[in-house]
Amino acid sequence: MAITAFFVVLVTLGVLETLAPAFEGPSSRVNRWPSNFGLMLLDQSIQSAAPISALWAADWARDHSVGILNTASVPGWVAASVTVLVLSLNVYVLHFLFHKFAFFWRIHRVHHLDTHIDISTSGRHHPLEAVAGLCGTVPVVFAFGLNSNALIVYAVFSALVGAASHANLRLSHRLDQSLRLVFVTPNMHSIHHSAMQAETDSNYGDVFTFWDRLFGTYKEVPEARYNAMMIGLEEIRDERTSDFWWQIKSPIFRSLSMDMKEQQQFAKRDTLVPLLNHHLRILKR
């Protein structure tokens, strides 16, 4: 049922963005979609074949009374609410780290190399990102004893919001402002796919906007007009962005073919340690 609902939403969004696209430049679907949906299918296949998953971890933790929520006597609605909040915060933190460490950026930048944004971009992730995400999520599920039913609901809702927020659609200002009080919107998330690094490094939330607001990474509007935004990354704008096999190889073999511009962009990504040291110095004063 959930899979059917997802594809119905995906097709509906695809029709809407065809009829009224937010970014009117050439979408190059013939070149982009085979690569983007190919990465989506590969990613889903690997996750399905993986011996463990977040859901498995939640069920195991429940059966063995492991984790805070499984050892404390809390009502079901509290366990469900905590599960949603913890999962959404975990996604935010992992996404932030993928941008702040060059090692993780090698993997995650496959998602950002798309030179257009539409429903296919939501599934454009390198398989190693799914593996890294699993490694960063399963320990959290164990530690908190997250509720398996709430986990399923959140996963489905996250997939639906992810497809919608990547759709090439522009909501009216009033509707956008109302929705983004809580939820990520296409207007808001398109800024995250801007080629300008200050905008790429913002709006990390996958479902909710409050983590970005709380941690100061929320960006309401692009510096230029929406229609003037460049989608993708400045350092690579050629046919490699839609080459399936190049996407697969790029995190591993990137250093063999990087030009000076790419090297400079990667050098900017190791910003987390200096940032933490800066805050530590402030706390010691």
C-alpha atoms as a PDB file:
ATOM      1  CA  MET A   1       0.000   0.000   0.000  1.00  0.00           C
ATOM      2  CA  ALA A   2       2.756   2.449   0.975  1.00  0.00           C
ATOM      3  CA  ILE A   3       4.741   1.705  -2.181  1.00  0.00           C
ATOM      4  CA  THR A   4       1.631   2.190  -4.328  1.00  0.00           C
ATOM      5  CA  ALA A   5       0.845   5.499  -2.617  1.00  0.00           C
ATOM      6  CA  PHE A   6       4.423   6.673  -3.155  1.00  0.00           C
ATOM      7  CA  PHE A   7       4.350   5.981  -6.881  1.00  0.00           C
ATOM      8  CA  VAL A   8       0.918   7.587  -7.250  1.00  0.00           C
ATOM      9  CA  VAL A   9       2.288  10.730  -5.577  1.00  0.00           C
ATOM     10  CA  LEU A  10       5.444  10.543  -7.708  1.00  0.00           C
ATOM     11  CA  VAL A  11       3.459  10.338 -10.962  1.00  0.00           C
ATOM     12  CA  THR A  12       1.115  13.140  -9.864  1.00  0.00           C
ATOM     13  CA  LEU A  13       4.044  15.395  -9.022  1.00  0.00           C
ATOM     14  CA  GLY A  14       5.684  14.499 -12.328  1.00  0.00           C
ATOM     15  CA  VAL A  15       2.585  15.603 -14.240  1.00  0.00           C
ATOM     16  CA  LEU A  16       2.287  18.845 -12.252  1.00  0.00           C
ATOM     17  CA  GLU A  17       5.915  19.828 -12.733  1.00  0.00           C
ATOM     18  CA  THR A  18       5.575  19.154 -16.455  1.00  0.00           C
ATOM     19  CA  LEU A  19       2.525  21.398 -16.731  1.00  0.00           C
ATOM     20  CA  ALA A  20       3.819  24.217 -14.515  1.00  0.00           C
ATOM     21  CA  PRO A  21       7.584  23.930 -13.905  1.00  0.00           C
ATOM     22  CA  ALA A  22       9.215  26.285 -11.413  1.00  0.00           C
ATOM     23  CA  PHE A  23      12.555  26.262 -13.247  1.00  0.00           C
ATOM     24  CA  GLU A  24      11.835  26.564 -16.938  1.00  0.00           C
ATOM     25  CA  GLY A  25      15.273  25.649 -18.276  1.00  0.00           C
ATOM     26  CA  PRO A  26      15.761  22.400 -20.206  1.00  0.00           C
ATOM     27  CA  SER A  27      15.082  19.457 -17.879  1.00  0.00           C
ATOM     28  CA  SER A  28      17.038  16.992 -20.092  1.00  0.00           C
ATOM     29  CA  ARG A  29      14.939  14.119 -18.773  1.00  0.00           C
ATOM     30  CA  VAL A  30      16.143  11.790 -21.531  1.00  0.00           C
ATOM     31  CA  ASN A  31      19.705  12.164 -20.221  1.00  0.00           C
ATOM     32  CA  ARG A  32      19.067  12.640 -16.500  1.00  0.00           C
ATOM     33  CA  TRP A  33      16.245  10.287 -15.632  1.00  0.00           C
ATOM     34  CA  PRO A  34      17.933   6.968 -16.547  1.00  0.00           C
ATOM     35  CA  SER A  35      20.831   7.869 -14.262  1.00  0.00           C
ATOM     36  CA  ASN A  36      18.692   9.299 -11.458  1.00  0.00           C
ATOM     37  CA  PHE A  37      16.114   6.519 -11.357  1.00  0.00           C
ATOM     38  CA  GLY A  38      18.883   3.968 -11.903  1.00  0.00           C
ATOM     39  CA  LEU A  39      20.582   5.204  -8.748  1.00  0.00           C
ATOM     40  CA  MET A  40      17.233   5.096  -6.941  1.00  0.00           C
ATOM     41  CA  LEU A  41      16.617   1.457  -7.921  1.00  0.00           C
ATOM     42  CA  LEU A  42      20.176   0.434  -7.027  1.00  0.00           C
ATOM     43  CA  ASP A  43      19.917   2.200  -3.685  1.00  0.00           C
ATOM     44  CA  GLN A  44      16.584   0.527  -2.848  1.00  0.00           C
ATOM     45  CA  SER A  45      17.865  -2.886  -3.943  1.00  0.00           C
ATOM     46  CA  ILE A  46      20.891  -2.634  -1.671  1.00  0.00           C
ATOM     47  CA  GLN A  47      18.780  -1.527   1.275  1.00  0.00           C
ATOM     48  CA  SER A  48      16.316  -4.379   0.689  1.00  0.00           C
ATOM     49  CA  ALA A  49      19.153  -6.917   0.558  1.00  0.00           C
ATOM     50  CA  ALA A  50      20.947  -5.551   3.631  1.00  0.00           C
ATOM     51  CA  PRO A  51      20.983  -8.002   6.579  1.00  0.00           C
ATOM     52  CA  ILE A  52      19.981  -5.248   9.017  1.00  0.00           C
ATOM     53  CA  SER A  53      17.768  -2.183   8.842  1.00  0.00           C
ATOM     54  CA  ALA A  54      16.432   0.486  11.156  1.00  0.00           C
ATOM     55  CA  LEU A  55      13.149  -1.440  11.412  1.00  0.00           C
ATOM     56  CA  TRP A  56      14.974  -4.661  12.302  1.00  0.00           C
ATOM     57  CA  ALA A  57      16.923  -2.754  14.959  1.00  0.00           C
ATOM     58  CA  ALA A  58      13.708  -1.317  16.424  1.00  0.00           C
ATOM     59  CA  ASP A  59      12.049  -4.746  16.593  1.00  0.00           C
ATOM     60  CA  TRP A  60      15.158  -6.338  18.126  1.00  0.00           C
ATOM     61  CA  ALA A  61      15.478  -3.569  20.707  1.00  0.00           C
ATOM     62  CA  ARG A  62      11.796  -3.966  21.651  1.00  0.00           C
ATOM     63  CA  ASP A  63      12.052  -7.764  21.991  1.00  0.00           C
ATOM     64  CA  HIS A  64      15.187  -7.512  24.142  1.00  0.00           C
ATOM     65  CA  SER A  65      14.102  -4.453  26.161  1.00  0.00           C
ATOM     66  CA  VAL A  66      16.990  -2.366  24.885  1.00  0.00           C
ATOM     67  CA  GLY A  67      16.906   1.428  24.708  1.00  0.00           C
ATOM     68  CA  ILE A  68      15.430   4.270  26.721  1.00  0.00           C
ATOM     69  CA  LEU A  69      11.857   3.977  25.448  1.00  0.00           C
ATOM     70  CA  ASN A  70      11.789   0.204  25.989  1.00  0.00           C
ATOM     71  CA  THR A  71      12.980   0.414  29.588  1.00  0.00           C
ATOM     72  CA  ALA A  72      10.928   3.431  30.653  1.00  0.00           C
ATOM     73  CA  SER A  73       7.189   3.262  31.182  1.00  0.00           C
ATOM     74  CA  VAL A  74       5.912   5.778  28.667  1.00  0.00           C
ATOM     75  CA  PRO A  75       2.577   5.947  26.826  1.00  0.00           C
ATOM     76  CA  GLY A  76       2.528   4.832  23.195  1.00  0.00           C
ATOM     77  CA  TRP A  77       1.961   8.351  21.891  1.00  0.00           C
ATOM     78  CA  VAL A  78       5.038   9.578  23.757  1.00  0.00           C
ATOM     79  CA  ALA A  79       7.169   6.782  22.292  1.00  0.00           C
ATOM     80  CA  ALA A  80       5.851   7.594  18.813  1.00  0.00           C
ATOM     81  CA  SER A  81       6.478  11.327  19.223  1.00  0.00           C
ATOM     82  CA  VAL A  82      10.005  10.806  20.549  1.00  0.00           C
ATOM     83  CA  THR A  83      10.708   8.401  17.682  1.00  0.00           C
ATOM     84  CA  VAL A  84       9.698  10.969  15.066  1.00  0.00           C
ATOM     85  CA  LEU A  85      11.708  13.754  16.719  1.00  0.00           C
ATOM     86  CA  VAL A  86      14.819  11.612  17.182  1.00  0.00           C
ATOM     87  CA  LEU A  87      14.696  10.253  13.631  1.00  0.00           C
ATOM     88  CA  SER A  88      14.246  13.688  12.102  1.00  0.00           C
ATOM     89  CA  LEU A  89      17.106  15.105  14.202  1.00  0.00           C
ATOM     90  CA  ASN A  90      19.292  12.146  13.236  1.00  0.00           C
ATOM     91  CA  VAL A  91      18.630  12.775   9.535  1.00  0.00           C
ATOM     92  CA  TYR A  92      19.446  16.462  10.010  1.00  0.00           C
ATOM     93  CA  VAL A  93      22.757  15.707  11.770  1.00  0.00           C
ATOM     94  CA  LEU A  94      23.821  13.092   9.218  1.00  0.00           C
ATOM     95  CA  HIS A  95      22.970  15.442   6.352  1.00  0.00           C
ATOM     96  CA  PHE A  96      24.964  18.225   8.016  1.00  0.00           C
ATOM     97  CA  LEU A  97      27.977  15.937   8.409  1.00  0.00           C
ATOM     98  CA  PHE A  98      27.762  14.855   4.768  1.00  0.00           C
ATOM     99  CA  HIS A  99      28.291  18.492   3.842  1.00  0.00           C
ATOM    100  CA  LYS A 100      30.985  19.323   6.393  1.00  0.00           C
ATOM    101  CA  PHE A 101      33.481  16.482   5.886  1.00  0.00           C
ATOM    102  CA  ALA A 102      35.150  16.139   2.487  1.00  0.00           C
ATOM    103  CA  PHE A 103      35.193  12.351   2.904  1.00  0.00           C
ATOM    104  CA  PHE A 104      31.392  12.220   3.226  1.00  0.00           C
ATOM    105  CA  TRP A 105      30.915  14.955   0.639  1.00  0.00           C
ATOM    106  CA  ARG A 106      32.538  12.670  -1.956  1.00  0.00           C
ATOM    107  CA  ILE A 107      29.511  10.421  -1.572  1.00  0.00           C
ATOM    108  CA  HIS A 108      26.773  12.981  -1.032  1.00  0.00           C
ATOM    109  CA  ARG A 109      27.751  15.335  -3.820  1.00  0.00           C
ATOM    110  CA  VAL A 110      26.337  12.798  -6.330  1.00  0.00           C
ATOM    111  CA  HIS A 111      22.946  14.029  -5.158  1.00  0.00           C
ATOM    112  CA  HIS A 112      23.942  17.668  -5.689  1.00  0.00           C
ATOM    113  CA  LEU A 113      25.560  17.216  -9.099  1.00  0.00           C
ATOM    114  CA  ASP A 114      22.166  17.109 -10.787  1.00  0.00           C
ATOM    115  CA  THR A 115      21.971  20.258 -12.921  1.00  0.00           C
ATOM    116  CA  HIS A 116      18.178  20.360 -12.767  1.00  0.00           C
ATOM    117  CA  ILE A 117      15.800  19.543  -9.940  1.00  0.00           C
ATOM    118  CA  ASP A 118      12.663  17.422 -10.227  1.00  0.00           C
ATOM    119  CA  ILE A 119      11.075  14.284  -8.789  1.00  0.00           C
ATOM    120  CA  SER A 120      13.953  12.107 -10.029  1.00  0.00           C
ATOM    121  CA  THR A 121      16.459  14.098  -7.938  1.00  0.00           C
ATOM    122  CA  SER A 122      14.866  12.845  -4.710  1.00  0.00           C
ATOM    123  CA  GLY A 123      16.126   9.317  -5.407  1.00  0.00           C
ATOM    124  CA  ARG A 124      19.513  10.298  -6.797  1.00  0.00           C
ATOM    125  CA  HIS A 125      21.850   9.036  -4.060  1.00  0.00           C
ATOM    126  CA  HIS A 126      25.049   7.030  -4.191  1.00  0.00           C
ATOM    127  CA  PRO A 127      24.619   3.520  -2.683  1.00  0.00           C
ATOM    128  CA  LEU A 128      27.365   4.265  -0.159  1.00  0.00           C
ATOM    129  CA  GLU A 129      25.185   7.042   1.248  1.00  0.00           C
ATOM    130  CA  ALA A 130      22.544   4.471   2.188  1.00  0.00           C
ATOM    131  CA  VAL A 131      25.216   2.359   3.901  1.00  0.00           C
ATOM    132  CA  ALA A 132      26.576   5.377   5.788  1.00  0.00           C
ATOM    133  CA  GLY A 133      23.048   6.429   6.739  1.00  0.00           C
ATOM    134  CA  LEU A 134      22.317   2.953   8.086  1.00  0.00           C
ATOM    135  CA  CYS A 135      25.510   2.990  10.150  1.00  0.00           C
ATOM    136  CA  GLY A 136      24.484   6.349  11.585  1.00  0.00           C
ATOM    137  CA  THR A 137      20.870   5.369  12.293  1.00  0.00           C
ATOM    138  CA  VAL A 138      20.916   1.826  13.712  1.00  0.00           C
ATOM    139  CA  PRO A 139      22.928   2.780  16.857  1.00  0.00           C
ATOM    140  CA  VAL A 140      20.462   5.612  17.512  1.00  0.00           C
ATOM    141  CA  VAL A 141      17.528   3.197  17.179  1.00  0.00           C
ATOM    142  CA  PHE A 142      19.182   0.849  19.695  1.00  0.00           C
ATOM    143  CA  ALA A 143      20.074   3.631  22.126  1.00  0.00           C
ATOM    144  CA  PHE A 144      16.583   5.128  22.249  1.00  0.00           C
ATOM    145  CA  GLY A 145      14.583   1.951  21.629  1.00  0.00           C
ATOM    146  CA  LEU A 146      12.608   3.732  18.933  1.00  0.00           C
ATOM    147  CA  ASN A 147       9.067   2.627  18.189  1.00  0.00           C
ATOM    148  CA  SER A 148       8.910   0.425  15.065  1.00  0.00           C
ATOM    149  CA  ASN A 149       5.410   1.525  13.989  1.00  0.00           C
ATOM    150  CA  ALA A 150       6.317   5.209  14.243  1.00  0.00           C
ATOM    151  CA  LEU A 151       9.522   4.445  12.370  1.00  0.00           C
ATOM    152  CA  ILE A 152       7.552   2.996   9.437  1.00  0.00           C
ATOM    153  CA  VAL A 153       5.165   5.961   9.363  1.00  0.00           C
ATOM    154  CA  TYR A 154       8.050   8.410   9.444  1.00  0.00           C
ATOM    155  CA  ALA A 155       9.916   6.566   6.661  1.00  0.00           C
ATOM    156  CA  VAL A 156       6.856   6.674   4.382  1.00  0.00           C
ATOM    157  CA  PHE A 157       6.109  10.309   5.168  1.00  0.00           C
ATOM    158  CA  SER A 158       9.764  11.251   4.674  1.00  0.00           C
ATOM    159  CA  ALA A 159       9.761   9.623   1.228  1.00  0.00           C
ATOM    160  CA  LEU A 160       6.599  11.514   0.248  1.00  0.00           C
ATOM    161  CA  VAL A 161       7.882  14.874   1.525  1.00  0.00           C
ATOM    162  CA  GLY A 162      11.235  14.174  -0.137  1.00  0.00           C
ATOM    163  CA  ALA A 163       9.585  13.627  -3.511  1.00  0.00           C
ATOM    164  CA  ALA A 164       7.445  16.746  -3.089  1.00  0.00           C
ATOM    165  CA  SER A 165      10.287  18.978  -1.896  1.00  0.00           C
ATOM    166  CA  HIS A 166      12.435  18.002  -4.891  1.00  0.00           C
ATOM    167  CA  ALA A 167       9.624  18.476  -7.400  1.00  0.00           C
ATOM    168  CA  ASN A 168      10.118  21.251  -9.933  1.00  0.00           C
ATOM    169  CA  LEU A 169       7.194  23.210  -8.496  1.00  0.00           C
ATOM    170  CA  ARG A 170       6.815  26.668  -6.986  1.00  0.00           C
ATOM    171  CA  LEU A 171       4.153  27.164  -4.338  1.00  0.00           C
ATOM    172  CA  SER A 172       2.411  30.477  -3.882  1.00  0.00           C
ATOM    173  CA  HIS A 173       4.036  32.687  -1.262  1.00  0.00           C
ATOM    174  CA  ARG A 174       1.129  32.360   1.174  1.00  0.00           C
ATOM    175  CA  LEU A 175       0.894  28.563   0.912  1.00  0.00           C
ATOM    176  CA  ASP A 176       4.669  28.173   1.077  1.00  0.00           C
ATOM    177  CA  GLN A 177       4.973  30.343   4.194  1.00  0.00           C
ATOM    178  CA  SER A 178       2.157  28.455   5.915  1.00  0.00           C
ATOM    179  CA  LEU A 179       3.532  24.995   5.165  1.00  0.00           C
ATOM    180  CA  ARG A 180       7.158  25.766   5.951  1.00  0.00           C
ATOM    181  CA  LEU A 181       6.260  26.758   9.490  1.00  0.00           C
ATOM    182  CA  VAL A 182       6.542  22.991  10.027  1.00  0.00           C
ATOM    183  CA  PHE A 183       7.333  21.179   6.776  1.00  0.00           C
ATOM    184  CA  VAL A 184      10.025  21.428   4.101  1.00  0.00           C
ATOM    185  CA  THR A 185       8.602  22.839   0.860  1.00  0.00           C
ATOM    186  CA  PRO A 186       9.834  22.793  -2.773  1.00  0.00           C
ATOM    187  CA  ASN A 187      10.591  26.533  -2.562  1.00  0.00           C
ATOM    188  CA  MET A 188      12.725  26.013   0.532  1.00  0.00           C
ATOM    189  CA  HIS A 189      14.542  22.869  -0.544  1.00  0.00           C
ATOM    190  CA  SER A 190      15.393  24.174  -4.011  1.00  0.00           C
ATOM    191  CA  ILE A 191      17.711  26.627  -2.230  1.00  0.00           C
ATOM    192  CA  HIS A 192      19.640  23.636  -0.848  1.00  0.00           C
ATOM    193  CA  HIS A 193      20.361  22.603  -4.458  1.00  0.00           C
ATOM    194  CA  SER A 194      21.749  26.001  -5.405  1.00  0.00           C
ATOM    195  CA  ALA A 195      25.298  26.059  -6.810  1.00  0.00           C
ATOM    196  CA  MET A 196      26.185  28.809  -4.312  1.00  0.00           C
ATOM    197  CA  GLN A 197      27.867  27.056  -1.381  1.00  0.00           C
ATOM    198  CA  ALA A 198      26.310  29.288   1.278  1.00  0.00           C
ATOM    199  CA  GLU A 199      22.926  28.117  -0.005  1.00  0.00           C
ATOM    200  CA  THR A 200      23.952  24.493  -0.592  1.00  0.00           C
ATOM    201  CA  ASP A 201      24.999  24.421   3.067  1.00  0.00           C
ATOM    202  CA  SER A 202      21.560  25.328   4.378  1.00  0.00           C
ATOM    203  CA  ASN A 203      18.085  23.798   4.813  1.00  0.00           C
ATOM    204  CA  TYR A 204      19.251  20.299   5.771  1.00  0.00           C
ATOM    205  CA  GLY A 205      15.928  19.034   7.163  1.00  0.00           C
ATOM    206  CA  ASP A 206      14.149  16.241   5.286  1.00  0.00           C
ATOM    207  CA  VAL A 207      10.621  16.671   6.692  1.00  0.00           C
ATOM    208  CA  PHE A 208      10.562  19.398   9.322  1.00  0.00           C
ATOM    209  CA  THR A 209      11.972  22.922   9.258  1.00  0.00           C
ATOM    210  CA  PHE A 210      12.417  23.431  13.002  1.00  0.00           C
ATOM    211  CA  TRP A 211      15.864  21.801  13.249  1.00  0.00           C
ATOM    212  CA  ASP A 212      17.242  24.238  10.658  1.00  0.00           C
ATOM    213  CA  ARG A 213      15.640  27.136  12.501  1.00  0.00           C
ATOM    214  CA  LEU A 214      16.989  25.922  15.854  1.00  0.00           C
ATOM    215  CA  PHE A 215      20.573  25.391  14.686  1.00  0.00           C
ATOM    216  CA  GLY A 216      20.819  28.448  12.452  1.00  0.00           C
ATOM    217  CA  THR A 217      20.989  26.690   9.083  1.00  0.00           C
ATOM    218  CA  TYR A 218      17.603  27.878   7.844  1.00  0.00           C
ATOM    219  CA  LYS A 219      17.596  30.027   4.716  1.00  0.00           C
ATOM    220  CA  GLU A 220      14.287  31.522   3.709  1.00  0.00           C
ATOM    221  CA  VAL A 221      15.008  32.857   0.217  1.00  0.00           C
ATOM    222  CA  PRO A 222      17.923  32.626  -2.228  1.00  0.00           C
ATOM    223  CA  GLU A 223      20.248  35.595  -2.551  1.00  0.00           C
ATOM    224  CA  ALA A 224      19.312  35.877  -6.215  1.00  0.00           C
ATOM    225  CA  ARG A 225      15.813  35.441  -7.575  1.00  0.00           C
ATOM    226  CA  TYR A 226      14.570  31.834  -7.732  1.00  0.00           C
ATOM    227  CA  ASN A 227      14.623  31.961 -11.523  1.00  0.00           C
ATOM    228  CA  ALA A 228      18.240  33.151 -11.457  1.00  0.00           C
ATOM    229  CA  MET A 229      19.461  30.254  -9.293  1.00  0.00           C
ATOM    230  CA  MET A 230      21.978  27.830 -10.768  1.00  0.00           C
ATOM    231  CA  ILE A 231      21.055  24.277  -9.770  1.00  0.00           C
ATOM    232  CA  GLY A 232      23.874  21.785  -9.202  1.00  0.00           C
ATOM    233  CA  LEU A 233      27.544  22.452  -8.501  1.00  0.00           C
ATOM    234  CA  GLU A 234      29.745  24.977 -10.258  1.00  0.00           C
ATOM    235  CA  GLU A 235      32.728  22.647 -10.676  1.00  0.00           C
ATOM    236  CA  ILE A 236      30.982  20.054 -12.863  1.00  0.00           C
ATOM    237  CA  ARG A 237      28.419  21.102 -15.465  1.00  0.00           C
ATOM    238  CA  ASP A 238      29.096  18.627 -18.295  1.00  0.00           C
ATOM    239  CA  GLU A 239      27.818  15.197 -19.366  1.00  0.00           C
ATOM    240  CA  ARG A 240      29.334  13.549 -16.279  1.00  0.00           C
ATOM    241  CA  THR A 241      26.394  14.809 -14.219  1.00  0.00           C
ATOM    242  CA  SER A 242      24.062  12.410 -16.058  1.00  0.00           C
ATOM    243  CA  ASP A 243      26.520   9.526 -16.516  1.00  0.00           C
ATOM    244  CA  PHE A 244      25.342   6.656 -14.290  1.00  0.00           C
ATOM    245  CA  TRP A 245      28.679   4.860 -14.077  1.00  0.00           C
ATOM    246  CA  TRP A 246      30.615   8.054 -13.492  1.00  0.00           C
ATOM    247  CA  GLN A 247      28.326   8.783 -10.518  1.00  0.00           C
ATOM    248  CA  ILE A 248      29.067   5.330  -9.081  1.00  0.00           C
ATOM    249  CA  LYS A 249      32.841   5.687  -9.512  1.00  0.00           C
ATOM    250  CA  SER A 250      33.246   9.355  -8.613  1.00  0.00           C
ATOM    251  CA  PRO A 251      33.452   9.047  -4.778  1.00  0.00           C
ATOM    252  CA  ILE A 252      36.246   6.478  -5.070  1.00  0.00           C
ATOM    253  CA  PHE A 253      38.217   7.595  -8.109  1.00  0.00           C
ATOM    254  CA  ARG A 254      37.544  11.332  -7.955  1.00  0.00           C
ATOM    255  CA  SER A 255      41.178  12.238  -7.143  1.00  0.00           C
ATOM    256  CA  LEU A 256      42.405  10.703 -10.405  1.00  0.00           C
ATOM    257  CA  SER A 257      40.584  13.195 -12.594  1.00  0.00           C
ATOM    258  CA  MET A 258      39.963  16.263 -10.406  1.00  0.00           C
ATOM    259  CA  ASP A 259      40.902  19.611 -11.818  1.00  0.00           C
ATOM    260  CA  MET A 260      41.967  22.601  -9.705  1.00  0.00           C
ATOM    261  CA  LYS A 261      38.402  23.903  -9.349  1.00  0.00           C
ATOM    262  CA  GLU A 262      37.188  20.593  -7.919  1.00  0.00           C
ATOM    263  CA  GLN A 263      40.142  20.409  -5.525  1.00  0.00           C
ATOM    264  CA  GLN A 264      39.313  23.873  -4.224  1.00  0.00           C
ATOM    265  CA  GLN A 265      35.676  22.928  -3.669  1.00  0.00           C
ATOM    266  CA  PHE A 266      36.658  19.811  -1.717  1.00  0.00           C
ATOM    267  CA  ALA A 267      39.106  21.798   0.391  1.00  0.00           C
ATOM    268  CA  LYS A 268      36.208  24.005   1.527  1.00  0.00           C
ATOM    269  CA  ARG A 269      34.331  20.997   2.888  1.00  0.00           C
ATOM    270  CA  ASP A 270      36.529  20.139   5.873  1.00  0.00           C
ATOM    271  CA  THR A 271      34.946  22.896   7.946  1.00  0.00           C
ATOM    272  CA  LEU A 272      33.501  20.977  10.881  1.00  0.00           C
ATOM    273  CA  VAL A 273      36.661  20.691  13.008  1.00  0.00           C
ATOM    274  CA  PRO A 274      37.558  24.418  12.725  1.00  0.00           C
ATOM    275  CA  LEU A 275      33.933  25.233  13.524  1.00  0.00           C
ATOM    276  CA  LEU A 276      33.969  23.070  16.671  1.00  0.00           C
ATOM    277  CA  ASN A 277      37.314  24.518  17.768  1.00  0.00           C
ATOM    278  CA  HIS A 278      35.899  28.013  17.352  1.00  0.00           C
ATOM    279  CA  HIS A 279      32.951  27.228  19.631  1.00  0.00           C
ATOM    280  CA  LEU A 280      35.231  25.516  22.185  1.00  0.00           C
ATOM    281  CA  ARG A 281      37.404  28.619  22.382  1.00  0.00           C
ATOM    282  CA  ILE A 282      34.303  30.717  23.026  1.00  0.00           C
ATOM    283  CA  LEU A 283      33.161  28.369  25.827  1.00  0.00           C
ATOM    284  CA  LYS A 284      36.598  28.506  27.529  1.00  0.00           C
ATOM    285  CA  ARG A 285      36.523  32.296  27.830  1.00  0.00           C
END
